[in-house]
């Protein structure tokens, strides 16, 4: 799923809203500043002037980054949706999904192989290796070779089939 990405202004507006909600839900008046002398101490939900001040502060949040609520909330919901496999659904805190951790380890393994495997071994696997970034493109091409199709699905590292070898 693709959703609009929240930017720094959106996150700042979200934090401003969170601070306002924390203030009011704790029973305090949503003054214009954090100075205690700027208005009454406690919030009275029956007082029209207090409600007008709350609305003024809410509007300031909304005006800071119009539409931020959707970008922040839907962005978080998209990241946390188990179908997207970004966040580990079993973790108690925000952690990468195990599939992403495994992909990161595989990328590190590839980097190691590209630095440490000899050109002769790459060529045995069907990859003309130059040791540079183009090596990835050549690996992709070798993986797509019909002779390597079995190795791709079975996860084997036997290299391409050669004349006289068993497939």
C-alpha atoms as a PDB file:
ATOM      1  CA  UNK A   1       0.000   0.000   0.000  1.00  0.00           C
ATOM      2  CA  UNK A   2       1.291   3.449  -0.862  1.00  0.00           C
ATOM      3  CA  UNK A   3       0.357   6.442   1.267  1.00  0.00           C
ATOM      4  CA  UNK A   4       1.708   9.980   1.413  1.00  0.00           C
ATOM      5  CA  UNK A   5       4.819  10.181   3.556  1.00  0.00           C
ATOM      6  CA  UNK A   6       4.789  12.529   6.532  1.00  0.00           C
ATOM      7  CA  UNK A   7       7.544  15.153   6.482  1.00  0.00           C
ATOM      8  CA  UNK A   8       9.219  16.998   9.353  1.00  0.00           C
ATOM      9  CA  UNK A   9       6.471  19.660   9.460  1.00  0.00           C
ATOM     10  CA  UNK A  10       3.830  16.924   9.727  1.00  0.00           C
ATOM     11  CA  UNK A  11       5.665  15.263  12.596  1.00  0.00           C
ATOM     12  CA  UNK A  12       6.161  18.604  14.363  1.00  0.00           C
ATOM     13  CA  UNK A  13       2.425  19.330  14.051  1.00  0.00           C
ATOM     14  CA  UNK A  14       1.652  15.848  15.368  1.00  0.00           C
ATOM     15  CA  UNK A  15       3.895  16.431  18.368  1.00  0.00           C
ATOM     16  CA  UNK A  16       2.243  19.812  18.938  1.00  0.00           C
ATOM     17  CA  UNK A  17      -1.176  18.115  18.908  1.00  0.00           C
ATOM     18  CA  UNK A  18       0.051  15.350  21.221  1.00  0.00           C
ATOM     19  CA  UNK A  19       1.346  17.961  23.698  1.00  0.00           C
ATOM     20  CA  UNK A  20      -1.963  19.832  23.584  1.00  0.00           C
ATOM     21  CA  UNK A  21      -3.982  16.643  24.140  1.00  0.00           C
ATOM     22  CA  UNK A  22      -1.705  15.616  27.019  1.00  0.00           C
ATOM     23  CA  UNK A  23      -2.137  19.045  28.611  1.00  0.00           C
ATOM     24  CA  UNK A  24      -5.939  19.052  28.416  1.00  0.00           C
ATOM     25  CA  UNK A  25      -6.367  15.371  29.316  1.00  0.00           C
ATOM     26  CA  UNK A  26      -4.283  16.034  32.445  1.00  0.00           C
ATOM     27  CA  UNK A  27      -6.741  18.778  33.401  1.00  0.00           C
ATOM     28  CA  UNK A  28      -4.544  21.761  32.567  1.00  0.00           C
ATOM     29  CA  UNK A  29      -5.477  24.877  30.626  1.00  0.00           C
ATOM     30  CA  UNK A  30      -4.077  25.022  27.064  1.00  0.00           C
ATOM     31  CA  UNK A  31      -2.319  28.365  27.357  1.00  0.00           C
ATOM     32  CA  UNK A  32      -0.477  30.001  24.462  1.00  0.00           C
ATOM     33  CA  UNK A  33       2.870  29.411  26.169  1.00  0.00           C
ATOM     34  CA  UNK A  34       4.200  27.037  28.793  1.00  0.00           C
ATOM     35  CA  UNK A  35       4.252  29.937  31.252  1.00  0.00           C
ATOM     36  CA  UNK A  36       1.864  29.179  34.110  1.00  0.00           C
ATOM     37  CA  UNK A  37       0.930  32.884  34.343  1.00  0.00           C
ATOM     38  CA  UNK A  38      -0.569  32.770  30.842  1.00  0.00           C
ATOM     39  CA  UNK A  39      -4.160  31.946  31.809  1.00  0.00           C
ATOM     40  CA  UNK A  40      -5.765  29.795  34.480  1.00  0.00           C
ATOM     41  CA  UNK A  41      -4.056  26.655  35.750  1.00  0.00           C
ATOM     42  CA  UNK A  42      -6.913  24.158  35.313  1.00  0.00           C
ATOM     43  CA  UNK A  43      -9.033  23.556  32.221  1.00  0.00           C
ATOM     44  CA  UNK A  44     -12.799  23.942  32.636  1.00  0.00           C
ATOM     45  CA  UNK A  45     -14.616  22.135  29.823  1.00  0.00           C
ATOM     46  CA  UNK A  46     -17.823  24.059  30.696  1.00  0.00           C
ATOM     47  CA  UNK A  47     -16.226  27.514  30.304  1.00  0.00           C
ATOM     48  CA  UNK A  48     -16.717  28.974  26.793  1.00  0.00           C
ATOM     49  CA  UNK A  49     -13.472  30.996  27.012  1.00  0.00           C
ATOM     50  CA  UNK A  50     -11.516  27.821  27.856  1.00  0.00           C
ATOM     51  CA  UNK A  51     -13.155  25.978  24.943  1.00  0.00           C
ATOM     52  CA  UNK A  52     -12.350  28.901  22.623  1.00  0.00           C
ATOM     53  CA  UNK A  53      -8.692  28.745  23.741  1.00  0.00           C
ATOM     54  CA  UNK A  54      -8.619  24.979  23.132  1.00  0.00           C
ATOM     55  CA  UNK A  55     -10.065  25.484  19.647  1.00  0.00           C
ATOM     56  CA  UNK A  56      -7.487  28.228  18.968  1.00  0.00           C
ATOM     57  CA  UNK A  57      -4.662  25.849  19.904  1.00  0.00           C
ATOM     58  CA  UNK A  58      -6.189  23.003  17.851  1.00  0.00           C
ATOM     59  CA  UNK A  59      -6.406  25.278  14.820  1.00  0.00           C
ATOM     60  CA  UNK A  60      -2.754  26.233  15.297  1.00  0.00           C
ATOM     61  CA  UNK A  61      -1.878  22.526  15.079  1.00  0.00           C
ATOM     62  CA  UNK A  62      -3.992  22.040  11.961  1.00  0.00           C
ATOM     63  CA  UNK A  63      -2.596  25.187  10.314  1.00  0.00           C
ATOM     64  CA  UNK A  64       1.009  24.154  11.019  1.00  0.00           C
ATOM     65  CA  UNK A  65       0.763  21.344   8.428  1.00  0.00           C
ATOM     66  CA  UNK A  66      -2.695  20.965   6.873  1.00  0.00           C
ATOM     67  CA  UNK A  67      -3.660  17.299   6.572  1.00  0.00           C
ATOM     68  CA  UNK A  68      -0.803  16.074   8.775  1.00  0.00           C
ATOM     69  CA  UNK A  69      -3.095  13.805  10.793  1.00  0.00           C
ATOM     70  CA  UNK A  70      -3.762  11.540   7.824  1.00  0.00           C
ATOM     71  CA  UNK A  71      -0.136  11.390   6.712  1.00  0.00           C
ATOM     72  CA  UNK A  72       1.149  10.635  10.207  1.00  0.00           C
ATOM     73  CA  UNK A  73      -1.558   8.144  11.214  1.00  0.00           C
ATOM     74  CA  UNK A  74      -1.893   6.340   7.880  1.00  0.00           C
ATOM     75  CA  UNK A  75       1.896   6.273   7.519  1.00  0.00           C
ATOM     76  CA  UNK A  76       2.226   4.591  10.908  1.00  0.00           C
ATOM     77  CA  UNK A  77      -0.654   2.234  10.151  1.00  0.00           C
ATOM     78  CA  UNK A  78       0.947   1.254   6.843  1.00  0.00           C
ATOM     79  CA  UNK A  79       4.327   0.596   8.469  1.00  0.00           C
ATOM     80  CA  UNK A  80       2.718  -1.490  11.202  1.00  0.00           C
ATOM     81  CA  UNK A  81       0.369  -3.481   8.948  1.00  0.00           C
ATOM     82  CA  UNK A  82       1.625  -7.090   9.219  1.00  0.00           C
ATOM     83  CA  UNK A  83       0.932  -7.655   5.507  1.00  0.00           C
ATOM     84  CA  UNK A  84       3.654  -5.140   4.625  1.00  0.00           C
ATOM     85  CA  UNK A  85       6.318  -6.966   6.693  1.00  0.00           C
ATOM     86  CA  UNK A  86       8.089  -3.790   7.810  1.00  0.00           C
ATOM     87  CA  UNK A  87       7.595  -3.964  11.601  1.00  0.00           C
ATOM     88  CA  UNK A  88       7.894  -7.173  13.616  1.00  0.00           C
ATOM     89  CA  UNK A  89       4.314  -7.953  14.703  1.00  0.00           C
ATOM     90  CA  UNK A  90       5.558 -10.044  17.648  1.00  0.00           C
ATOM     91  CA  UNK A  91       7.827  -7.381  19.171  1.00  0.00           C
ATOM     92  CA  UNK A  92       6.713  -5.158  22.064  1.00  0.00           C
ATOM     93  CA  UNK A  93       8.542  -2.181  20.564  1.00  0.00           C
ATOM     94  CA  UNK A  94       9.245  -0.969  17.037  1.00  0.00           C
ATOM     95  CA  UNK A  95      11.663  -3.437  15.456  1.00  0.00           C
ATOM     96  CA  UNK A  96      12.258  -4.390  11.857  1.00  0.00           C
ATOM     97  CA  UNK A  97      10.332  -7.384  10.580  1.00  0.00           C
ATOM     98  CA  UNK A  98      12.394 -10.614  10.670  1.00  0.00           C
ATOM     99  CA  UNK A  99      12.198 -10.801   6.848  1.00  0.00           C
ATOM    100  CA  UNK A 100      13.862  -7.366   6.576  1.00  0.00           C
ATOM    101  CA  UNK A 101      16.509  -8.345   9.117  1.00  0.00           C
ATOM    102  CA  UNK A 102      17.226 -11.479   7.062  1.00  0.00           C
ATOM    103  CA  UNK A 103      17.400  -9.423   3.839  1.00  0.00           C
ATOM    104  CA  UNK A 104      19.842  -7.043   5.518  1.00  0.00           C
ATOM    105  CA  UNK A 105      22.021  -9.993   6.550  1.00  0.00           C
ATOM    106  CA  UNK A 106      21.850 -11.360   2.994  1.00  0.00           C
ATOM    107  CA  UNK A 107      22.956  -7.983   1.641  1.00  0.00           C
ATOM    108  CA  UNK A 108      25.921  -8.013   4.046  1.00  0.00           C
ATOM    109  CA  UNK A 109      26.774 -11.540   2.906  1.00  0.00           C
ATOM    110  CA  UNK A 110      26.651 -10.423  -0.739  1.00  0.00           C
ATOM    111  CA  UNK A 111      28.961  -7.511   0.034  1.00  0.00           C
ATOM    112  CA  UNK A 112      31.397  -9.926   1.675  1.00  0.00           C
ATOM    113  CA  UNK A 113      31.236 -12.304  -1.298  1.00  0.00           C
ATOM    114  CA  UNK A 114      31.802  -9.489  -3.766  1.00  0.00           C
ATOM    115  CA  UNK A 115      34.921  -8.445  -1.855  1.00  0.00           C
ATOM    116  CA  UNK A 116      36.304 -11.908  -1.104  1.00  0.00           C
ATOM    117  CA  UNK A 117      35.349 -14.416  -3.804  1.00  0.00           C
ATOM    118  CA  UNK A 118      37.866 -14.869  -6.610  1.00  0.00           C
ATOM    119  CA  UNK A 119      37.097 -13.960 -10.206  1.00  0.00           C
ATOM    120  CA  UNK A 120      37.573 -17.622 -11.148  1.00  0.00           C
ATOM    121  CA  UNK A 121      34.833 -18.690  -8.711  1.00  0.00           C
ATOM    122  CA  UNK A 122      32.478 -15.997 -10.007  1.00  0.00           C
ATOM    123  CA  UNK A 123      33.080 -17.193 -13.558  1.00  0.00           C
ATOM    124  CA  UNK A 124      32.401 -20.808 -12.470  1.00  0.00           C
ATOM    125  CA  UNK A 125      29.008 -19.566 -11.295  1.00  0.00           C
ATOM    126  CA  UNK A 126      28.407 -17.915 -14.655  1.00  0.00           C
ATOM    127  CA  UNK A 127      29.186 -14.379 -13.514  1.00  0.00           C
ATOM    128  CA  UNK A 128      31.834 -12.302 -15.217  1.00  0.00           C
ATOM    129  CA  UNK A 129      32.905 -10.459 -12.096  1.00  0.00           C
ATOM    130  CA  UNK A 130      34.718  -7.154 -12.101  1.00  0.00           C
ATOM    131  CA  UNK A 131      34.437  -6.523  -8.354  1.00  0.00           C
ATOM    132  CA  UNK A 132      32.439  -3.327  -8.856  1.00  0.00           C
ATOM    133  CA  UNK A 133      28.760  -2.393  -8.510  1.00  0.00           C
ATOM    134  CA  UNK A 134      28.086  -3.846 -11.958  1.00  0.00           C
ATOM    135  CA  UNK A 135      28.665  -7.243 -10.331  1.00  0.00           C
ATOM    136  CA  UNK A 136      25.079  -7.207  -9.016  1.00  0.00           C
ATOM    137  CA  UNK A 137      23.694  -6.850 -12.535  1.00  0.00           C
ATOM    138  CA  UNK A 138      25.871  -9.721 -13.668  1.00  0.00           C
ATOM    139  CA  UNK A 139      24.749 -11.860 -10.722  1.00  0.00           C
ATOM    140  CA  UNK A 140      21.113 -11.143 -11.626  1.00  0.00           C
ATOM    141  CA  UNK A 141      21.839 -12.230 -15.209  1.00  0.00           C
ATOM    142  CA  UNK A 142      23.538 -15.434 -14.044  1.00  0.00           C
ATOM    143  CA  UNK A 143      20.617 -16.247 -11.734  1.00  0.00           C
ATOM    144  CA  UNK A 144      18.242 -15.863 -14.665  1.00  0.00           C
ATOM    145  CA  UNK A 145      20.174 -18.380 -16.811  1.00  0.00           C
ATOM    146  CA  UNK A 146      18.128 -21.551 -17.426  1.00  0.00           C
ATOM    147  CA  UNK A 147      21.052 -23.655 -16.191  1.00  0.00           C
ATOM    148  CA  UNK A 148      20.798 -21.937 -12.797  1.00  0.00           C
ATOM    149  CA  UNK A 149      17.020 -22.145 -12.412  1.00  0.00           C
ATOM    150  CA  UNK A 150      17.253 -25.167 -10.105  1.00  0.00           C
ATOM    151  CA  UNK A 151      19.864 -23.515  -7.912  1.00  0.00           C
ATOM    152  CA  UNK A 152      17.631 -20.464  -7.470  1.00  0.00           C
ATOM    153  CA  UNK A 153      14.622 -22.403  -6.205  1.00  0.00           C
ATOM    154  CA  UNK A 154      16.488 -25.026  -4.203  1.00  0.00           C
ATOM    155  CA  UNK A 155      18.864 -22.550  -2.614  1.00  0.00           C
ATOM    156  CA  UNK A 156      21.853 -24.668  -3.737  1.00  0.00           C
ATOM    157  CA  UNK A 157      25.210 -23.167  -4.589  1.00  0.00           C
ATOM    158  CA  UNK A 158      26.435 -25.786  -7.047  1.00  0.00           C
ATOM    159  CA  UNK A 159      26.768 -23.273  -9.881  1.00  0.00           C
ATOM    160  CA  UNK A 160      25.484 -23.670 -13.392  1.00  0.00           C
ATOM    161  CA  UNK A 161      25.018 -27.105 -14.857  1.00  0.00           C
ATOM    162  CA  UNK A 162      27.954 -28.116 -17.019  1.00  0.00           C
ATOM    163  CA  UNK A 163      28.287 -30.796 -19.627  1.00  0.00           C
ATOM    164  CA  UNK A 164      28.463 -34.189 -17.930  1.00  0.00           C
ATOM    165  CA  UNK A 165      27.099 -32.956 -14.580  1.00  0.00           C
ATOM    166  CA  UNK A 166      23.718 -33.957 -13.185  1.00  0.00           C
ATOM    167  CA  UNK A 167      21.066 -31.249 -12.984  1.00  0.00           C
END
